[in-house]
N, C-alpha and C. Protein backbone atom coordinates (compact mmCIF):
# COMPACT_ATOMS: atom_id res chain seq x y z
N UNK A 1 16.91 -24.02 -30.61
CA UNK A 1 16.60 -23.21 -29.40
C UNK A 1 15.75 -24.31 -28.47
N UNK A 2 15.99 -24.15 -27.21
CA UNK A 2 15.24 -25.03 -26.29
C UNK A 2 14.90 -24.32 -24.94
N UNK A 3 13.76 -24.79 -24.47
CA UNK A 3 13.17 -24.22 -23.21
C UNK A 3 13.84 -25.05 -22.09
N UNK A 4 14.47 -26.17 -22.35
CA UNK A 4 15.01 -26.95 -21.24
C UNK A 4 16.05 -26.24 -20.72
N UNK A 5 15.90 -25.90 -19.42
CA UNK A 5 16.86 -25.07 -18.68
C UNK A 5 18.23 -25.74 -18.50
N UNK A 6 18.19 -27.12 -18.56
CA UNK A 6 19.45 -27.86 -18.38
C UNK A 6 20.45 -27.54 -19.39
N UNK A 7 19.85 -27.08 -20.76
CA UNK A 7 20.78 -26.91 -21.88
C UNK A 7 21.03 -25.36 -21.92
N UNK A 8 20.72 -24.58 -21.09
CA UNK A 8 20.90 -23.03 -21.10
C UNK A 8 22.06 -22.55 -20.22
N UNK A 9 22.37 -21.29 -20.44
CA UNK A 9 23.37 -20.65 -19.53
C UNK A 9 22.87 -20.82 -18.07
N UNK A 10 23.79 -20.91 -17.19
CA UNK A 10 23.45 -21.22 -15.66
C UNK A 10 22.64 -20.05 -15.17
N UNK A 11 22.83 -18.84 -15.63
CA UNK A 11 21.97 -17.81 -15.04
C UNK A 11 20.50 -17.77 -15.58
N UNK A 12 20.44 -18.10 -16.83
CA UNK A 12 19.15 -18.22 -17.47
C UNK A 12 18.30 -19.41 -16.85
N UNK A 13 19.06 -20.52 -16.59
CA UNK A 13 18.45 -21.50 -15.88
C UNK A 13 18.07 -21.21 -14.38
N UNK A 14 18.87 -20.51 -13.80
CA UNK A 14 18.56 -20.05 -12.36
C UNK A 14 17.18 -19.21 -12.36
N UNK A 15 17.25 -18.30 -13.19
CA UNK A 15 16.21 -17.36 -13.30
C UNK A 15 14.85 -18.15 -13.74
N UNK A 16 15.07 -18.94 -14.73
CA UNK A 16 13.75 -19.87 -15.07
C UNK A 16 13.25 -20.67 -13.95
N UNK A 17 14.14 -21.02 -13.01
CA UNK A 17 13.59 -21.87 -11.79
C UNK A 17 12.51 -21.24 -11.03
N UNK A 18 12.85 -19.82 -10.94
CA UNK A 18 11.93 -18.88 -10.10
C UNK A 18 10.50 -18.85 -10.73
N UNK A 19 10.19 -19.35 -11.87
CA UNK A 19 8.86 -19.25 -12.37
C UNK A 19 8.03 -20.48 -12.08
N UNK A 20 8.58 -21.47 -11.32
CA UNK A 20 7.91 -22.57 -10.86
C UNK A 20 6.62 -22.09 -10.05
N UNK A 21 5.44 -22.82 -10.07
CA UNK A 21 4.41 -22.20 -9.44
C UNK A 21 3.51 -23.34 -8.87
N UNK A 22 3.84 -24.56 -9.00
CA UNK A 22 2.96 -25.75 -8.45
C UNK A 22 2.97 -25.87 -6.99
N UNK A 23 4.04 -25.19 -6.32
CA UNK A 23 4.01 -25.16 -4.87
C UNK A 23 3.01 -24.09 -4.26
N UNK A 24 2.62 -23.19 -5.09
CA UNK A 24 1.76 -22.20 -4.53
C UNK A 24 0.17 -22.65 -4.35
N UNK A 25 -0.52 -21.92 -3.51
CA UNK A 25 -1.96 -22.23 -3.45
C UNK A 25 -2.65 -21.97 -4.80
N UNK A 26 -3.72 -22.65 -5.10
CA UNK A 26 -4.23 -22.64 -6.47
C UNK A 26 -4.53 -21.23 -6.89
N UNK A 27 -5.22 -20.32 -5.88
CA UNK A 27 -5.49 -19.07 -6.30
C UNK A 27 -4.25 -18.17 -6.91
N UNK A 28 -3.09 -18.53 -6.32
CA UNK A 28 -1.83 -17.91 -6.75
C UNK A 28 -1.24 -18.50 -7.99
N UNK A 29 -1.46 -19.77 -8.14
CA UNK A 29 -0.92 -20.57 -9.26
C UNK A 29 -1.68 -20.02 -10.52
N UNK A 30 -2.94 -19.65 -10.51
CA UNK A 30 -3.63 -19.19 -11.57
C UNK A 30 -2.96 -17.73 -12.11
N UNK A 31 -2.43 -17.02 -11.21
CA UNK A 31 -1.71 -15.85 -11.47
C UNK A 31 -0.24 -16.06 -11.92
N UNK A 32 0.39 -16.89 -11.32
CA UNK A 32 2.03 -17.16 -11.58
C UNK A 32 2.05 -17.91 -12.93
N UNK A 33 1.16 -18.92 -13.28
CA UNK A 33 1.30 -19.79 -14.35
C UNK A 33 1.39 -18.99 -15.71
N UNK A 34 0.67 -17.90 -15.89
CA UNK A 34 0.85 -17.17 -17.02
C UNK A 34 2.23 -16.60 -17.29
N UNK A 35 2.87 -16.24 -16.16
CA UNK A 35 4.30 -15.84 -16.26
C UNK A 35 5.29 -16.83 -16.65
N UNK A 36 5.09 -18.15 -16.00
CA UNK A 36 5.80 -19.35 -16.37
C UNK A 36 5.66 -19.61 -17.82
N UNK A 37 4.52 -19.57 -18.40
CA UNK A 37 4.34 -19.85 -19.80
C UNK A 37 5.02 -18.86 -20.66
N UNK A 38 4.96 -17.59 -20.21
CA UNK A 38 5.76 -16.58 -21.04
C UNK A 38 7.20 -16.85 -21.07
N UNK A 39 7.75 -17.15 -19.84
CA UNK A 39 9.09 -17.56 -19.68
C UNK A 39 9.54 -18.60 -20.60
N UNK A 40 8.77 -19.56 -20.67
CA UNK A 40 9.06 -20.88 -21.51
C UNK A 40 9.02 -20.41 -22.96
N UNK A 41 8.09 -19.57 -23.42
CA UNK A 41 8.12 -19.13 -24.75
C UNK A 41 9.24 -18.41 -25.20
N UNK A 42 9.68 -17.49 -24.29
CA UNK A 42 10.93 -16.61 -24.45
C UNK A 42 12.11 -17.60 -24.61
N UNK A 43 12.26 -18.64 -23.79
CA UNK A 43 13.33 -19.54 -23.91
C UNK A 43 13.25 -20.35 -25.18
N UNK A 44 12.12 -20.54 -25.69
CA UNK A 44 11.99 -21.22 -27.01
C UNK A 44 12.37 -20.34 -28.04
N UNK A 45 12.11 -19.02 -28.12
CA UNK A 45 12.37 -17.94 -29.15
C UNK A 45 13.74 -17.45 -29.03
N UNK A 46 14.43 -17.20 -27.91
CA UNK A 46 15.64 -16.41 -27.93
C UNK A 46 16.80 -17.19 -27.46
N UNK A 47 17.90 -16.79 -27.94
CA UNK A 47 19.20 -17.39 -27.57
C UNK A 47 19.59 -16.63 -26.24
N UNK A 48 20.56 -17.50 -25.43
CA UNK A 48 21.16 -16.96 -24.31
C UNK A 48 21.85 -15.72 -24.52
N UNK A 49 21.62 -14.75 -23.81
CA UNK A 49 22.32 -13.43 -24.01
C UNK A 49 22.13 -12.57 -22.55
N UNK A 50 22.91 -11.57 -22.48
CA UNK A 50 22.67 -10.63 -21.33
C UNK A 50 21.34 -10.07 -21.49
N UNK A 51 20.73 -9.76 -22.61
CA UNK A 51 19.44 -9.12 -22.79
C UNK A 51 18.38 -10.27 -22.41
N UNK A 52 18.68 -11.52 -22.63
CA UNK A 52 17.61 -12.50 -22.17
C UNK A 52 17.51 -12.56 -20.64
N UNK A 53 18.71 -12.47 -20.09
CA UNK A 53 18.86 -12.55 -18.62
C UNK A 53 18.08 -11.37 -17.94
N UNK A 54 18.33 -10.13 -18.57
CA UNK A 54 17.47 -8.93 -17.95
C UNK A 54 16.00 -9.15 -18.39
N UNK A 55 15.66 -9.64 -19.48
CA UNK A 55 14.27 -9.92 -19.82
C UNK A 55 13.63 -10.82 -18.73
N UNK A 56 14.11 -11.84 -18.48
CA UNK A 56 13.58 -12.82 -17.43
C UNK A 56 13.62 -12.23 -16.06
N UNK A 57 14.57 -11.49 -15.82
CA UNK A 57 14.56 -10.84 -14.24
C UNK A 57 13.38 -9.79 -14.18
N UNK A 58 13.19 -9.02 -15.28
CA UNK A 58 12.16 -8.19 -15.27
C UNK A 58 10.76 -8.73 -15.24
N UNK A 59 10.64 -9.89 -15.99
CA UNK A 59 9.46 -10.71 -16.09
C UNK A 59 9.12 -11.26 -14.72
N UNK A 60 10.24 -11.79 -14.02
CA UNK A 60 10.23 -12.41 -12.63
C UNK A 60 9.73 -11.35 -11.70
N UNK A 61 10.15 -10.11 -11.81
CA UNK A 61 9.76 -8.97 -10.89
C UNK A 61 8.30 -8.62 -11.17
N UNK A 62 7.89 -8.63 -12.39
CA UNK A 62 6.44 -8.52 -12.75
C UNK A 62 5.38 -9.72 -12.12
N UNK A 63 6.01 -10.75 -12.22
CA UNK A 63 5.28 -11.99 -11.61
C UNK A 63 5.20 -11.76 -10.23
N UNK A 64 6.27 -11.39 -9.44
CA UNK A 64 6.27 -11.25 -8.08
C UNK A 64 5.25 -10.23 -7.59
N UNK A 65 5.12 -9.09 -8.47
CA UNK A 65 4.27 -7.97 -8.21
C UNK A 65 2.76 -8.48 -8.33
N UNK A 66 2.50 -9.30 -9.53
CA UNK A 66 1.24 -9.79 -9.77
C UNK A 66 0.70 -10.73 -8.46
N UNK A 67 1.58 -11.55 -8.06
CA UNK A 67 1.24 -12.33 -6.89
C UNK A 67 1.12 -11.54 -5.63
N UNK A 68 1.91 -10.65 -5.56
CA UNK A 68 1.54 -9.77 -4.29
C UNK A 68 0.28 -9.10 -4.36
N UNK A 69 -0.05 -8.54 -5.54
CA UNK A 69 -1.41 -7.88 -5.72
C UNK A 69 -2.55 -8.91 -5.47
N UNK A 70 -2.24 -10.29 -5.87
CA UNK A 70 -3.40 -11.19 -5.61
C UNK A 70 -3.44 -11.43 -4.06
N UNK A 71 -2.34 -11.25 -3.43
CA UNK A 71 -2.41 -11.53 -1.89
C UNK A 71 -3.16 -10.35 -1.32
N UNK A 72 -2.78 -9.11 -1.75
CA UNK A 72 -3.43 -7.94 -1.29
C UNK A 72 -4.89 -7.94 -1.46
N UNK A 73 -5.45 -8.57 -2.60
CA UNK A 73 -6.82 -8.71 -2.85
C UNK A 73 -7.44 -9.60 -1.89
N UNK A 74 -6.73 -10.61 -1.43
CA UNK A 74 -7.35 -11.48 -0.31
C UNK A 74 -7.41 -10.75 0.99
N UNK A 75 -6.54 -9.83 1.35
CA UNK A 75 -6.56 -9.08 2.65
C UNK A 75 -7.82 -8.20 2.57
N UNK A 76 -8.21 -7.73 1.40
CA UNK A 76 -9.29 -6.80 1.31
C UNK A 76 -10.66 -7.26 1.47
N UNK A 77 -10.59 -8.62 1.36
CA UNK A 77 -11.93 -9.46 1.42
C UNK A 77 -12.42 -9.45 2.96
């Protein structure tokens, strides 16, 4: 099993690409980074399957919500 997206199903690789976080401001990187690490661990542990695709999609949705929550916290300051 490998986390290298080049060796994965195209949809798994596409979803994995959305966990990139270095382009974000540092305060959002600290939120997003944990989701990227989790995605990498899942790719190390699990084979490509429809369930892995759903898992990554839901993790991505969670990451997006967490980043938006961090942005909302900035607006409240």
